[in-house]
Protein backbone atom coordinates (compact mmCIF):
# COMPACT_ATOMS: atom_id res chain seq x y z
CA MET A 1 -24.54 17.69 -1.88
CA THR A 2 -21.23 18.83 0.25
CA ALA A 3 -20.60 15.31 0.83
CA ILE A 4 -20.40 14.59 -2.99
CA LEU A 5 -18.41 17.66 -3.42
CA ASN A 6 -15.99 16.64 -0.66
CA GLU A 7 -15.71 13.00 -2.45
CA LEU A 8 -15.20 14.95 -5.96
CA VAL A 9 -12.21 17.33 -4.22
CA VAL A 10 -10.49 13.97 -2.67
CA MET A 11 -11.05 12.15 -6.06
CA ASN A 12 -9.50 15.02 -8.18
CA ASP A 13 -6.49 15.33 -5.55
CA VAL A 14 -5.89 11.28 -5.47
CA ALA A 15 -5.97 11.43 -9.32
CA LYS A 16 -3.25 14.23 -9.32
CA ILE A 17 -1.11 12.32 -6.81
CA LEU A 18 -1.42 9.15 -8.68
CA GLN A 19 -0.84 10.64 -12.24
CA PRO A 20 3.02 10.42 -12.62
CA LEU A 21 2.90 6.60 -11.43
CA THR A 22 2.60 3.42 -13.65
CA LYS A 23 -0.78 1.45 -13.64
CA ASP A 24 1.25 -1.28 -11.52
CA GLU A 25 2.48 1.30 -9.02
CA CYS A 26 -1.21 2.75 -8.88
CA ARG A 27 -2.64 -0.67 -8.57
CA ARG A 28 -0.36 -1.37 -5.80
CA ILE A 29 -1.44 1.72 -3.54
CA ILE A 30 -4.88 1.22 -4.33
CA ASP A 31 -4.89 -2.31 -3.14
CA TRP A 32 -2.78 -1.43 -0.22
CA LEU A 33 -5.47 1.44 0.60
CA ALA A 34 -8.58 -0.58 0.38
CA ASP A 35 -7.00 -2.83 2.53
CA TYR A 36 -6.16 -0.28 5.10
CA LEU A 37 -9.41 1.09 4.92
CA ASP A 38 -10.89 -2.34 5.25
CA VAL A 39 -12.95 -1.78 1.84
CA TYR A 40 -13.67 -4.30 -0.15
CA GLU A 41 -15.22 -4.63 -3.51
CA ASP A 42 -17.78 -7.20 -2.39
CA ASP A 43 -19.21 -4.84 0.49
CA PHE A 44 -20.67 -2.90 -2.45
CA ASP A 45 -22.03 -5.71 -4.86
CA LEU A 46 -25.55 -6.24 -4.24
CA GLY A 47 -26.02 -7.72 -7.63
CA GLU A 48 -29.97 -8.06 -8.30
CA ALA A 49 -30.63 -8.43 -4.79
CA THR A 50 -34.21 -7.33 -3.46
CA PHE A 51 -35.43 -6.62 -0.06
CA VAL A 52 -38.94 -7.82 0.48
CA GLU A 53 -40.51 -7.90 3.87
CA VAL A 54 -42.19 -11.36 4.45
CA SER A 55 -44.66 -12.21 7.09
CA GLY A 56 -44.65 -15.93 8.23
CA GLU A 57 -42.61 -18.81 6.74
CA PRO A 58 -41.50 -18.68 3.23
CA GLU A 59 -42.56 -21.70 1.09
CA GLY A 60 -40.41 -24.23 0.40
CA CYS A 61 -38.23 -23.50 3.28
CA VAL A 62 -35.94 -26.22 4.79
CA ASP A 63 -34.57 -27.02 7.91
CA ALA A 64 -31.20 -25.30 8.47
CA ALA A 65 -29.39 -28.29 9.10
CA GLU A 66 -30.49 -29.75 5.98
CA GLU A 67 -29.40 -26.68 3.85
CA LEU A 68 -25.52 -26.63 5.24
CA PRO A 69 -23.27 -28.74 3.42
CA ALA A 70 -20.98 -31.02 5.77
CA GLU A 71 -17.88 -29.35 7.18
CA GLU A 72 -16.00 -31.97 4.82
CA GLU A 73 -17.71 -30.59 1.63
CA LEU A 74 -16.90 -26.88 2.58
CA VAL A 75 -13.19 -27.11 1.86
CA PRO A 76 -12.27 -28.05 -1.79
CA GLU A 77 -9.76 -30.77 -2.63
CA THR A 78 -7.23 -28.42 -3.94
CA PHE A 79 -5.95 -25.11 -2.78
CA GLY A 80 -6.38 -23.97 -6.36
CA SER A 81 -10.04 -24.94 -6.16
CA LEU A 82 -10.23 -23.39 -2.68
CA TYR A 83 -8.85 -20.17 -4.06
CA GLU A 84 -11.32 -20.30 -7.17
CA ARG A 85 -14.35 -20.78 -4.98
CA VAL A 86 -13.42 -17.90 -2.59
CA ASN A 87 -12.37 -15.42 -5.18
CA PRO A 88 -10.45 -13.29 -2.87
CA LYS A 89 -9.88 -9.67 -4.25
CA THR A 90 -7.84 -7.76 -2.17
CA ALA A 91 -4.04 -8.66 -0.57
CA ILE A 92 -5.24 -9.72 3.04
CA GLN A 93 -8.22 -11.74 1.63
CA LYS A 94 -6.07 -13.91 -0.67
CA ILE A 95 -3.70 -14.25 2.36
CA VAL A 96 -6.72 -15.39 4.74
CA THR A 97 -7.53 -17.59 1.91
CA SER A 98 -4.13 -19.53 2.11
CA ALA A 99 -4.00 -19.26 5.78
CA TYR A 100 -7.57 -21.20 5.98
CA TRP A 101 -6.31 -23.89 3.72
CA LEU A 102 -2.70 -24.17 5.75
CA GLU A 103 -5.24 -24.41 9.06
CA THR A 104 -7.97 -26.51 7.76
CA ARG A 105 -6.03 -28.91 5.31
CA ASP A 106 -2.69 -28.97 6.65
CA ASP A 107 -3.98 -28.95 10.17
CA GLN A 108 -1.36 -26.19 11.21
CA GLU A 109 -2.48 -24.46 14.53
CA SER A 110 -0.14 -21.38 13.32
CA TRP A 111 1.85 -20.02 10.21
CA THR A 112 4.21 -17.70 8.79
CA SER A 113 3.84 -15.09 6.14
CA PHE A 114 6.52 -17.24 4.09
CA GLN A 115 4.25 -19.96 4.20
CA THR A 116 0.89 -18.25 2.82
CA ASN A 117 3.32 -16.31 0.44
CA LYS A 118 4.61 -19.74 -0.96
CA LEU A 119 1.24 -21.29 -1.22
CA LEU A 120 0.04 -18.01 -3.25
CA LYS A 121 2.90 -18.07 -5.56
CA SER A 122 2.12 -21.88 -6.37
CA LEU A 123 -0.69 -20.35 -8.15
CA GLY A 124 1.03 -17.60 -9.73
CA VAL A 125 -0.56 -15.07 -7.12
CA LYS A 126 1.70 -12.34 -6.30
CA ILE A 127 1.37 -10.15 -3.10
CA SER A 128 3.76 -7.30 -2.94
CA SER A 129 4.09 -7.32 0.79
CA VAL A 130 2.78 -10.16 2.83
CA SER A 131 4.37 -9.09 6.03
CA GLY A 132 3.34 -5.56 5.28
CA THR A 133 -0.29 -6.43 4.78
CA LEU A 134 -0.34 -8.57 7.77
CA ALA A 135 1.29 -5.76 9.85
CA ILE A 136 -1.49 -3.54 8.86
CA GLU A 137 -4.35 -6.16 9.55
CA SER A 138 -2.88 -6.77 12.89
CA LYS A 139 -3.59 -3.31 13.87
CA LYS A 140 -7.29 -3.08 12.97
CA GLU A 141 -10.22 -3.08 15.48
CA LEU A 142 -11.59 -6.62 14.14
CA PRO A 143 -8.68 -8.27 12.14
CA LEU A 144 -9.15 -11.42 9.84
CA ILE A 145 -5.78 -12.52 11.65
CA VAL A 146 -3.98 -12.40 14.94
CA VAL A 147 -0.40 -12.68 15.87
CA LEU A 148 0.66 -15.33 17.96
CA GLU A 149 4.30 -15.08 18.58
CA LYS A 150 7.09 -12.46 17.57
CA SER A 151 10.63 -13.53 17.94
CA GLY A 152 13.85 -11.55 17.02
CA ASP A 153 14.43 -7.75 16.98
CA SER A 154 12.02 -5.43 15.16
CA MET A 155 14.14 -5.34 11.79
CA GLN A 156 14.46 -9.17 11.56
CA SER A 157 11.55 -10.23 13.49
CA ARG A 158 9.78 -13.89 12.59
CA LYS A 159 6.20 -13.80 13.57
CA THR A 160 3.54 -16.78 13.64
CA PHE A 161 0.07 -16.02 12.91
CA ARG A 162 -3.77 -17.68 13.31
CA LEU A 163 -6.79 -16.75 11.73
CA SER A 164 -9.30 -14.80 13.84
CA ASP A 165 -13.02 -15.86 14.07
CA ALA A 166 -13.79 -13.19 11.41
CA GLY A 167 -10.88 -14.68 9.30
CA ILE A 168 -12.69 -18.14 9.35
CA ALA A 169 -16.22 -16.77 8.91
CA PHE A 170 -14.82 -14.67 5.96
CA VAL A 171 -13.78 -17.67 3.81
CA GLU A 172 -16.53 -20.00 5.14
CA SER A 173 -19.09 -17.53 4.10
CA ARG A 174 -17.56 -17.68 0.38
CA LEU A 175 -17.79 -21.40 0.53
CA SER A 176 -21.14 -21.70 1.49
């Protein structure tokens, strides 16, 4: 009961803080906070899943190798179709999706925030601060991206990135 009361107090405080802001400002803050806390919509969407204890091998089981599509079937033909299939919700998920395209279809070993932003803009997807989102993500314990190289001073630095194994797994889990 105490945990629920604590949550209600925090919700009330957050609502008071956000009240003078516009809907767009609130959305940007909420998206940033979800990325910062590593909370994704899909983490809570169980749909109509049911959990049943099964003993033995389920009927109609197929060999795992037969179930998985070939690698060339995983990545759609266009970035738009990849984006649609992955259906990213948060800023970091959107960036990871575009980075996956750059790494798998354009065969790039690394990429910049400019390149991912340009790709997202080609679909009309806007992210308020790609660099800021990547900076937050790179500080997490298990980031979806990793910083490969940084050049220049801190105010005007150029960074190159690469997807981590977790970032690749995120996209591929959405494609399978």
